[in-house]
């Protein structure tokens, strides 16, 4: 896209909207900011409570679909001695693990086990969850059709959930995070409106709210996303009008 919005989508498709906004404000380029608002581009939000990355790749769930070893190859791993309680042997070996996912900059760590191998597995699982929460994928609301991974986490009462989706999977299923990411993508696209997202998923607002409340990390992510989206839109309106 050879436009003002295209400049914001550099750096491997990860957009830092607020840095771009700061850049345009310093240059008093209000027309470009209004262009972004009019086009409804799904930009990265940065605030004190929530930080998200925007992924403009065609394969939207590429990171989460990777096998453990494939995902590890995208990470920088560091080991360190864990501090705090845990017994006299806890600090004698560098068993704690910190992973930094290089494409997104997301960091996850695990310190609770004396085994470095176990901490590595725990950190990797946390990294997957953080990617689902923090990395947003583009959604075209005009042609929207829920992806299979989202349909699998929806309750059976959804009017668009076919029998081929299988039984509903819950937060304890490792595949839940794929559906969680897709749900957060949709809620982001509808500017934090749970009721609008519910309509697109063939659910009542109450049914979708119960699904969101079924997982603490999902509930917090939705709350942070809605707060961040409101702050961002208020900021854009203040600049443009």
C-alpha atoms as a PDB file:
ATOM      1  CA  UNK A   1       0.000   0.000   0.000  1.00  0.00           C
ATOM      2  CA  UNK A   2       1.823   3.112  -1.213  1.00  0.00           C
ATOM      3  CA  UNK A   3       0.070   5.431   1.250  1.00  0.00           C
ATOM      4  CA  UNK A   4       0.549   6.923   4.708  1.00  0.00           C
ATOM      5  CA  UNK A   5      -0.843   3.695   6.157  1.00  0.00           C
ATOM      6  CA  UNK A   6       1.735   1.665   4.224  1.00  0.00           C
ATOM      7  CA  UNK A   7       4.580   3.422   5.992  1.00  0.00           C
ATOM      8  CA  UNK A   8       3.190   2.207   9.299  1.00  0.00           C
ATOM      9  CA  UNK A   9       3.246  -1.413   8.140  1.00  0.00           C
ATOM     10  CA  UNK A  10       7.001  -1.705   7.710  1.00  0.00           C
ATOM     11  CA  UNK A  11       9.354  -3.763   9.878  1.00  0.00           C
ATOM     12  CA  UNK A  12       8.139  -7.200   8.885  1.00  0.00           C
ATOM     13  CA  UNK A  13       4.450  -6.343   9.117  1.00  0.00           C
ATOM     14  CA  UNK A  14       4.550  -5.447  12.824  1.00  0.00           C
ATOM     15  CA  UNK A  15       3.054  -2.007  13.309  1.00  0.00           C
ATOM     16  CA  UNK A  16       3.837   0.360  16.141  1.00  0.00           C
ATOM     17  CA  UNK A  17       0.876   2.706  15.772  1.00  0.00           C
ATOM     18  CA  UNK A  18       1.674   5.036  18.601  1.00  0.00           C
ATOM     19  CA  UNK A  19       5.221   5.661  17.379  1.00  0.00           C
ATOM     20  CA  UNK A  20       3.764   6.366  13.965  1.00  0.00           C
ATOM     21  CA  UNK A  21       1.195   8.721  15.499  1.00  0.00           C
ATOM     22  CA  UNK A  22       3.978  10.516  17.390  1.00  0.00           C
ATOM     23  CA  UNK A  23       5.932  10.807  14.143  1.00  0.00           C
ATOM     24  CA  UNK A  24       2.957  12.367  12.330  1.00  0.00           C
ATOM     25  CA  UNK A  25       2.089  14.676  15.246  1.00  0.00           C
ATOM     26  CA  UNK A  26       5.622  16.073  15.317  1.00  0.00           C
ATOM     27  CA  UNK A  27       5.226  16.900  11.637  1.00  0.00           C
ATOM     28  CA  UNK A  28       1.683  18.233  12.133  1.00  0.00           C
ATOM     29  CA  UNK A  29       0.486  15.756   9.463  1.00  0.00           C
ATOM     30  CA  UNK A  30      -3.154  15.580  10.574  1.00  0.00           C
ATOM     31  CA  UNK A  31      -4.417  14.507   7.152  1.00  0.00           C
ATOM     32  CA  UNK A  32      -2.403  11.262   7.302  1.00  0.00           C
ATOM     33  CA  UNK A  33      -3.738  10.513  10.793  1.00  0.00           C
ATOM     34  CA  UNK A  34      -7.303  11.044   9.599  1.00  0.00           C
ATOM     35  CA  UNK A  35      -6.552   8.798   6.610  1.00  0.00           C
ATOM     36  CA  UNK A  36      -5.615   5.996   9.011  1.00  0.00           C
ATOM     37  CA  UNK A  37      -8.855   6.500  10.940  1.00  0.00           C
ATOM     38  CA  UNK A  38     -11.012   6.588   7.800  1.00  0.00           C
ATOM     39  CA  UNK A  39      -9.455   3.411   6.422  1.00  0.00           C
ATOM     40  CA  UNK A  40     -10.023   1.641   9.757  1.00  0.00           C
ATOM     41  CA  UNK A  41      -6.563   0.062   9.700  1.00  0.00           C
ATOM     42  CA  UNK A  42      -5.985  -2.392  12.545  1.00  0.00           C
ATOM     43  CA  UNK A  43      -2.906  -0.840  14.114  1.00  0.00           C
ATOM     44  CA  UNK A  44      -0.744  -1.865  17.027  1.00  0.00           C
ATOM     45  CA  UNK A  45      -1.719  -0.318  20.353  1.00  0.00           C
ATOM     46  CA  UNK A  46       0.753   0.649  23.039  1.00  0.00           C
ATOM     47  CA  UNK A  47      -0.451   1.701  26.469  1.00  0.00           C
ATOM     48  CA  UNK A  48       0.408   1.009  30.085  1.00  0.00           C
ATOM     49  CA  UNK A  49      -1.929  -1.991  30.333  1.00  0.00           C
ATOM     50  CA  UNK A  50      -1.666  -3.655  26.929  1.00  0.00           C
ATOM     51  CA  UNK A  51       0.887  -4.084  24.164  1.00  0.00           C
ATOM     52  CA  UNK A  52      -0.095  -5.834  20.942  1.00  0.00           C
ATOM     53  CA  UNK A  53       1.620  -6.570  17.665  1.00  0.00           C
ATOM     54  CA  UNK A  54      -0.090  -6.448  14.313  1.00  0.00           C
ATOM     55  CA  UNK A  55       0.564  -9.326  11.940  1.00  0.00           C
ATOM     56  CA  UNK A  56      -0.187  -8.669   8.282  1.00  0.00           C
ATOM     57  CA  UNK A  57       1.004 -12.091   7.075  1.00  0.00           C
ATOM     58  CA  UNK A  58      -1.296 -14.318   5.040  1.00  0.00           C
ATOM     59  CA  UNK A  59      -0.855 -17.246   7.410  1.00  0.00           C
ATOM     60  CA  UNK A  60      -2.265 -15.517  10.450  1.00  0.00           C
ATOM     61  CA  UNK A  61      -1.582 -18.290  12.975  1.00  0.00           C
ATOM     62  CA  UNK A  62       1.869 -19.164  11.669  1.00  0.00           C
ATOM     63  CA  UNK A  63       3.661 -18.818  15.031  1.00  0.00           C
ATOM     64  CA  UNK A  64       1.141 -20.836  17.023  1.00  0.00           C
ATOM     65  CA  UNK A  65       1.008 -23.600  14.417  1.00  0.00           C
ATOM     66  CA  UNK A  66       4.746 -24.217  14.677  1.00  0.00           C
ATOM     67  CA  UNK A  67       6.011 -27.315  16.461  1.00  0.00           C
ATOM     68  CA  UNK A  68       7.926 -26.712  19.693  1.00  0.00           C
ATOM     69  CA  UNK A  69      11.356 -27.073  18.116  1.00  0.00           C
ATOM     70  CA  UNK A  70      10.379 -24.831  15.192  1.00  0.00           C
ATOM     71  CA  UNK A  71       9.168 -22.157  17.581  1.00  0.00           C
ATOM     72  CA  UNK A  72      12.344 -22.526  19.642  1.00  0.00           C
ATOM     73  CA  UNK A  73      14.421 -21.802  16.548  1.00  0.00           C
ATOM     74  CA  UNK A  74      12.731 -18.398  16.411  1.00  0.00           C
ATOM     75  CA  UNK A  75      13.716 -17.691  20.019  1.00  0.00           C
ATOM     76  CA  UNK A  76      16.735 -16.450  21.876  1.00  0.00           C
ATOM     77  CA  UNK A  77      17.141 -18.506  25.058  1.00  0.00           C
ATOM     78  CA  UNK A  78      18.906 -17.411  28.221  1.00  0.00           C
ATOM     79  CA  UNK A  79      19.382 -19.289  31.478  1.00  0.00           C
ATOM     80  CA  UNK A  80      19.862 -17.740  34.889  1.00  0.00           C
ATOM     81  CA  UNK A  81      19.754 -18.500  38.583  1.00  0.00           C
ATOM     82  CA  UNK A  82      16.294 -17.979  40.021  1.00  0.00           C
ATOM     83  CA  UNK A  83      16.054 -15.806  43.104  1.00  0.00           C
ATOM     84  CA  UNK A  84      13.559 -16.005  45.920  1.00  0.00           C
ATOM     85  CA  UNK A  85      12.192 -18.916  47.969  1.00  0.00           C
ATOM     86  CA  UNK A  86      12.487 -22.468  46.797  1.00  0.00           C
ATOM     87  CA  UNK A  87      14.985 -24.336  48.904  1.00  0.00           C
ATOM     88  CA  UNK A  88      18.741 -24.357  49.350  1.00  0.00           C
ATOM     89  CA  UNK A  89      19.466 -25.925  45.953  1.00  0.00           C
ATOM     90  CA  UNK A  90      17.402 -23.553  43.854  1.00  0.00           C
ATOM     91  CA  UNK A  91      20.121 -20.965  43.126  1.00  0.00           C
ATOM     92  CA  UNK A  92      23.052 -23.342  42.674  1.00  0.00           C
ATOM     93  CA  UNK A  93      22.323 -24.026  38.993  1.00  0.00           C
ATOM     94  CA  UNK A  94      21.126 -21.814  36.164  1.00  0.00           C
ATOM     95  CA  UNK A  95      17.879 -23.730  35.794  1.00  0.00           C
ATOM     96  CA  UNK A  96      15.574 -20.750  35.137  1.00  0.00           C
ATOM     97  CA  UNK A  97      14.812 -20.114  31.461  1.00  0.00           C
ATOM     98  CA  UNK A  98      13.944 -16.916  29.616  1.00  0.00           C
ATOM     99  CA  UNK A  99      12.789 -17.036  25.980  1.00  0.00           C
ATOM    100  CA  UNK A 100      12.621 -14.047  23.664  1.00  0.00           C
ATOM    101  CA  UNK A 101      10.615 -14.571  20.475  1.00  0.00           C
ATOM    102  CA  UNK A 102      12.669 -12.607  17.964  1.00  0.00           C
ATOM    103  CA  UNK A 103       9.949 -11.899  15.339  1.00  0.00           C
ATOM    104  CA  UNK A 104       7.625 -10.275  17.912  1.00  0.00           C
ATOM    105  CA  UNK A 105       9.910  -9.354  20.816  1.00  0.00           C
ATOM    106  CA  UNK A 106       7.643 -11.207  23.261  1.00  0.00           C
ATOM    107  CA  UNK A 107       9.424 -12.588  26.343  1.00  0.00           C
ATOM    108  CA  UNK A 108       8.356 -15.529  28.510  1.00  0.00           C
ATOM    109  CA  UNK A 109      10.179 -17.168  31.382  1.00  0.00           C
ATOM    110  CA  UNK A 110       9.897 -19.995  33.887  1.00  0.00           C
ATOM    111  CA  UNK A 111      11.748 -20.242  37.183  1.00  0.00           C
ATOM    112  CA  UNK A 112       9.697 -22.574  39.363  1.00  0.00           C
ATOM    113  CA  UNK A 113      11.376 -25.927  38.625  1.00  0.00           C
ATOM    114  CA  UNK A 114      14.882 -27.093  39.475  1.00  0.00           C
ATOM    115  CA  UNK A 115      15.028 -28.770  36.076  1.00  0.00           C
ATOM    116  CA  UNK A 116      16.088 -26.535  33.189  1.00  0.00           C
ATOM    117  CA  UNK A 117      14.301 -28.886  30.789  1.00  0.00           C
ATOM    118  CA  UNK A 118      10.992 -28.487  32.655  1.00  0.00           C
ATOM    119  CA  UNK A 119      11.399 -24.712  32.848  1.00  0.00           C
ATOM    120  CA  UNK A 120      12.106 -24.585  29.120  1.00  0.00           C
ATOM    121  CA  UNK A 121       8.843 -26.425  28.405  1.00  0.00           C
ATOM    122  CA  UNK A 122       6.903 -24.152  30.772  1.00  0.00           C
ATOM    123  CA  UNK A 123       8.405 -21.004  29.234  1.00  0.00           C
ATOM    124  CA  UNK A 124       7.542 -22.226  25.747  1.00  0.00           C
ATOM    125  CA  UNK A 125       3.919 -22.895  26.758  1.00  0.00           C
ATOM    126  CA  UNK A 126       3.707 -19.404  28.253  1.00  0.00           C
ATOM    127  CA  UNK A 127       5.209 -17.938  25.101  1.00  0.00           C
ATOM    128  CA  UNK A 128       2.467 -19.541  23.011  1.00  0.00           C
ATOM    129  CA  UNK A 129      -0.179 -18.066  25.287  1.00  0.00           C
ATOM    130  CA  UNK A 130       1.429 -14.608  25.140  1.00  0.00           C
ATOM    131  CA  UNK A 131       1.614 -14.728  21.345  1.00  0.00           C
ATOM    132  CA  UNK A 132      -2.103 -15.534  21.229  1.00  0.00           C
ATOM    133  CA  UNK A 133      -2.819 -12.602  23.536  1.00  0.00           C
ATOM    134  CA  UNK A 134      -0.463 -10.003  22.084  1.00  0.00           C
ATOM    135  CA  UNK A 135      -0.244 -10.675  18.330  1.00  0.00           C
ATOM    136  CA  UNK A 136      -3.234  -9.436  16.361  1.00  0.00           C
ATOM    137  CA  UNK A 137      -4.125 -10.550  12.851  1.00  0.00           C
ATOM    138  CA  UNK A 138      -6.067  -8.590  10.249  1.00  0.00           C
ATOM    139  CA  UNK A 139      -9.804  -9.262   9.970  1.00  0.00           C
ATOM    140  CA  UNK A 140     -12.010  -8.219   7.054  1.00  0.00           C
ATOM    141  CA  UNK A 141     -15.418  -7.693   8.649  1.00  0.00           C
ATOM    142  CA  UNK A 142     -17.198  -7.393   5.293  1.00  0.00           C
ATOM    143  CA  UNK A 143     -16.305 -10.965   4.304  1.00  0.00           C
ATOM    144  CA  UNK A 144     -15.788 -12.399   7.788  1.00  0.00           C
ATOM    145  CA  UNK A 145     -16.154 -16.099   8.358  1.00  0.00           C
ATOM    146  CA  UNK A 146     -14.869 -17.550  11.660  1.00  0.00           C
ATOM    147  CA  UNK A 147     -11.792 -19.776  11.180  1.00  0.00           C
ATOM    148  CA  UNK A 148     -12.071 -23.443  12.260  1.00  0.00           C
ATOM    149  CA  UNK A 149      -9.911 -22.885  15.344  1.00  0.00           C
ATOM    150  CA  UNK A 150     -12.389 -20.275  16.605  1.00  0.00           C
ATOM    151  CA  UNK A 151     -15.429 -22.426  15.830  1.00  0.00           C
ATOM    152  CA  UNK A 152     -13.950 -25.230  17.963  1.00  0.00           C
ATOM    153  CA  UNK A 153     -13.967 -23.100  21.138  1.00  0.00           C
ATOM    154  CA  UNK A 154     -17.502 -21.767  20.622  1.00  0.00           C
ATOM    155  CA  UNK A 155     -20.354 -23.299  22.659  1.00  0.00           C
ATOM    156  CA  UNK A 156     -22.703 -25.660  20.768  1.00  0.00           C
ATOM    157  CA  UNK A 157     -25.503 -23.051  20.900  1.00  0.00           C
ATOM    158  CA  UNK A 158     -23.693 -20.967  18.268  1.00  0.00           C
ATOM    159  CA  UNK A 159     -25.881 -20.807  15.164  1.00  0.00           C
ATOM    160  CA  UNK A 160     -22.874 -20.915  12.830  1.00  0.00           C
ATOM    161  CA  UNK A 161     -21.084 -23.817  14.508  1.00  0.00           C
ATOM    162  CA  UNK A 162     -21.475 -26.923  12.369  1.00  0.00           C
ATOM    163  CA  UNK A 163     -21.260 -30.537  13.520  1.00  0.00           C
ATOM    164  CA  UNK A 164     -17.955 -30.873  11.672  1.00  0.00           C
ATOM    165  CA  UNK A 165     -16.377 -28.566  14.294  1.00  0.00           C
ATOM    166  CA  UNK A 166     -16.435 -31.440  16.782  1.00  0.00           C
ATOM    167  CA  UNK A 167     -16.950 -31.060  20.534  1.00  0.00           C
ATOM    168  CA  UNK A 168     -16.216 -27.717  22.129  1.00  0.00           C
ATOM    169  CA  UNK A 169     -12.671 -27.471  23.469  1.00  0.00           C
ATOM    170  CA  UNK A 170     -11.940 -25.605  26.688  1.00  0.00           C
ATOM    171  CA  UNK A 171      -8.995 -23.695  28.196  1.00  0.00           C
ATOM    172  CA  UNK A 172      -7.257 -26.903  29.327  1.00  0.00           C
ATOM    173  CA  UNK A 173      -6.886 -28.055  25.712  1.00  0.00           C
ATOM    174  CA  UNK A 174      -3.568 -26.877  24.143  1.00  0.00           C
ATOM    175  CA  UNK A 175      -5.472 -25.957  20.954  1.00  0.00           C
ATOM    176  CA  UNK A 176      -7.627 -23.458  22.871  1.00  0.00           C
ATOM    177  CA  UNK A 177      -5.034 -20.700  22.382  1.00  0.00           C
ATOM    178  CA  UNK A 178      -5.527 -20.853  18.585  1.00  0.00           C
ATOM    179  CA  UNK A 179      -9.213 -20.086  19.040  1.00  0.00           C
ATOM    180  CA  UNK A 180      -8.411 -17.512  21.703  1.00  0.00           C
ATOM    181  CA  UNK A 181      -6.160 -15.614  19.302  1.00  0.00           C
ATOM    182  CA  UNK A 182      -8.820 -15.669  16.569  1.00  0.00           C
ATOM    183  CA  UNK A 183     -11.457 -14.434  19.036  1.00  0.00           C
ATOM    184  CA  UNK A 184      -9.226 -11.568  20.176  1.00  0.00           C
ATOM    185  CA  UNK A 185      -8.584 -10.674  16.519  1.00  0.00           C
ATOM    186  CA  UNK A 186     -12.335 -10.355  15.977  1.00  0.00           C
ATOM    187  CA  UNK A 187     -12.952  -8.334  19.144  1.00  0.00           C
ATOM    188  CA  UNK A 188     -10.107  -6.019  18.149  1.00  0.00           C
ATOM    189  CA  UNK A 189     -11.617  -5.598  14.664  1.00  0.00           C
ATOM    190  CA  UNK A 190     -15.029  -4.608  16.087  1.00  0.00           C
ATOM    191  CA  UNK A 191     -13.365  -2.051  18.359  1.00  0.00           C
ATOM    192  CA  UNK A 192     -13.880  -4.008  21.563  1.00  0.00           C
ATOM    193  CA  UNK A 193     -17.622  -4.562  21.164  1.00  0.00           C
ATOM    194  CA  UNK A 194     -18.484  -7.966  22.624  1.00  0.00           C
ATOM    195  CA  UNK A 195     -22.067  -7.649  21.360  1.00  0.00           C
ATOM    196  CA  UNK A 196     -20.912  -7.057  17.760  1.00  0.00           C
ATOM    197  CA  UNK A 197     -18.494  -9.982  17.976  1.00  0.00           C
ATOM    198  CA  UNK A 198     -21.295 -12.169  19.370  1.00  0.00           C
ATOM    199  CA  UNK A 199     -23.518 -11.394  16.361  1.00  0.00           C
ATOM    200  CA  UNK A 200     -20.778 -12.469  13.953  1.00  0.00           C
ATOM    201  CA  UNK A 201     -20.337 -15.704  15.903  1.00  0.00           C
ATOM    202  CA  UNK A 202     -24.019 -16.595  16.110  1.00  0.00           C
ATOM    203  CA  UNK A 203     -24.126 -16.176  19.885  1.00  0.00           C
ATOM    204  CA  UNK A 204     -25.898 -14.036  22.413  1.00  0.00           C
ATOM    205  CA  UNK A 205     -23.776 -11.413  24.166  1.00  0.00           C
ATOM    206  CA  UNK A 206     -24.190 -13.357  27.399  1.00  0.00           C
ATOM    207  CA  UNK A 207     -22.972 -16.617  25.843  1.00  0.00           C
ATOM    208  CA  UNK A 208     -19.851 -14.960  24.427  1.00  0.00           C
ATOM    209  CA  UNK A 209     -19.217 -13.201  27.740  1.00  0.00           C
ATOM    210  CA  UNK A 210     -19.329 -16.556  29.536  1.00  0.00           C
ATOM    211  CA  UNK A 211     -16.800 -17.964  27.061  1.00  0.00           C
ATOM    212  CA  UNK A 212     -14.496 -14.999  27.701  1.00  0.00           C
ATOM    213  CA  UNK A 213     -14.848 -15.427  31.471  1.00  0.00           C
ATOM    214  CA  UNK A 214     -13.970 -19.130  31.248  1.00  0.00           C
ATOM    215  CA  UNK A 215     -10.264 -18.312  30.952  1.00  0.00           C
ATOM    216  CA  UNK A 216      -8.502 -15.704  33.110  1.00  0.00           C
ATOM    217  CA  UNK A 217      -5.908 -14.748  30.490  1.00  0.00           C
ATOM    218  CA  UNK A 218      -8.623 -14.354  27.828  1.00  0.00           C
ATOM    219  CA  UNK A 219     -10.763 -12.243  30.166  1.00  0.00           C
ATOM    220  CA  UNK A 220      -7.846  -9.949  31.019  1.00  0.00           C
ATOM    221  CA  UNK A 221      -6.789  -9.674  27.367  1.00  0.00           C
ATOM    222  CA  UNK A 222     -10.304  -8.631  26.304  1.00  0.00           C
ATOM    223  CA  UNK A 223     -10.507  -6.053  29.087  1.00  0.00           C
ATOM    224  CA  UNK A 224      -7.075  -4.637  28.217  1.00  0.00           C
ATOM    225  CA  UNK A 225      -7.879  -4.633  24.512  1.00  0.00           C
ATOM    226  CA  UNK A 226     -11.185  -2.805  24.998  1.00  0.00           C
ATOM    227  CA  UNK A 227      -9.564  -0.210  27.267  1.00  0.00           C
ATOM    228  CA  UNK A 228      -6.686   0.312  24.837  1.00  0.00           C
ATOM    229  CA  UNK A 229      -8.982   0.579  21.832  1.00  0.00           C
ATOM    230  CA  UNK A 230     -11.134   3.240  23.506  1.00  0.00           C
ATOM    231  CA  UNK A 231      -8.035   5.231  24.504  1.00  0.00           C
ATOM    232  CA  UNK A 232      -6.649   4.999  20.968  1.00  0.00           C
ATOM    233  CA  UNK A 233      -9.882   6.061  19.233  1.00  0.00           C
ATOM    234  CA  UNK A 234     -10.321   8.964  21.663  1.00  0.00           C
ATOM    235  CA  UNK A 235      -6.782  10.067  20.879  1.00  0.00           C
ATOM    236  CA  UNK A 236      -7.315   9.862  17.099  1.00  0.00           C
ATOM    237  CA  UNK A 237     -10.605  11.777  17.289  1.00  0.00           C
ATOM    238  CA  UNK A 238      -8.949  14.495  19.349  1.00  0.00           C
ATOM    239  CA  UNK A 239      -6.260  14.902  16.674  1.00  0.00           C
ATOM    240  CA  UNK A 240      -8.488  14.673  13.609  1.00  0.00           C
ATOM    241  CA  UNK A 241     -11.446  16.778  14.682  1.00  0.00           C
END
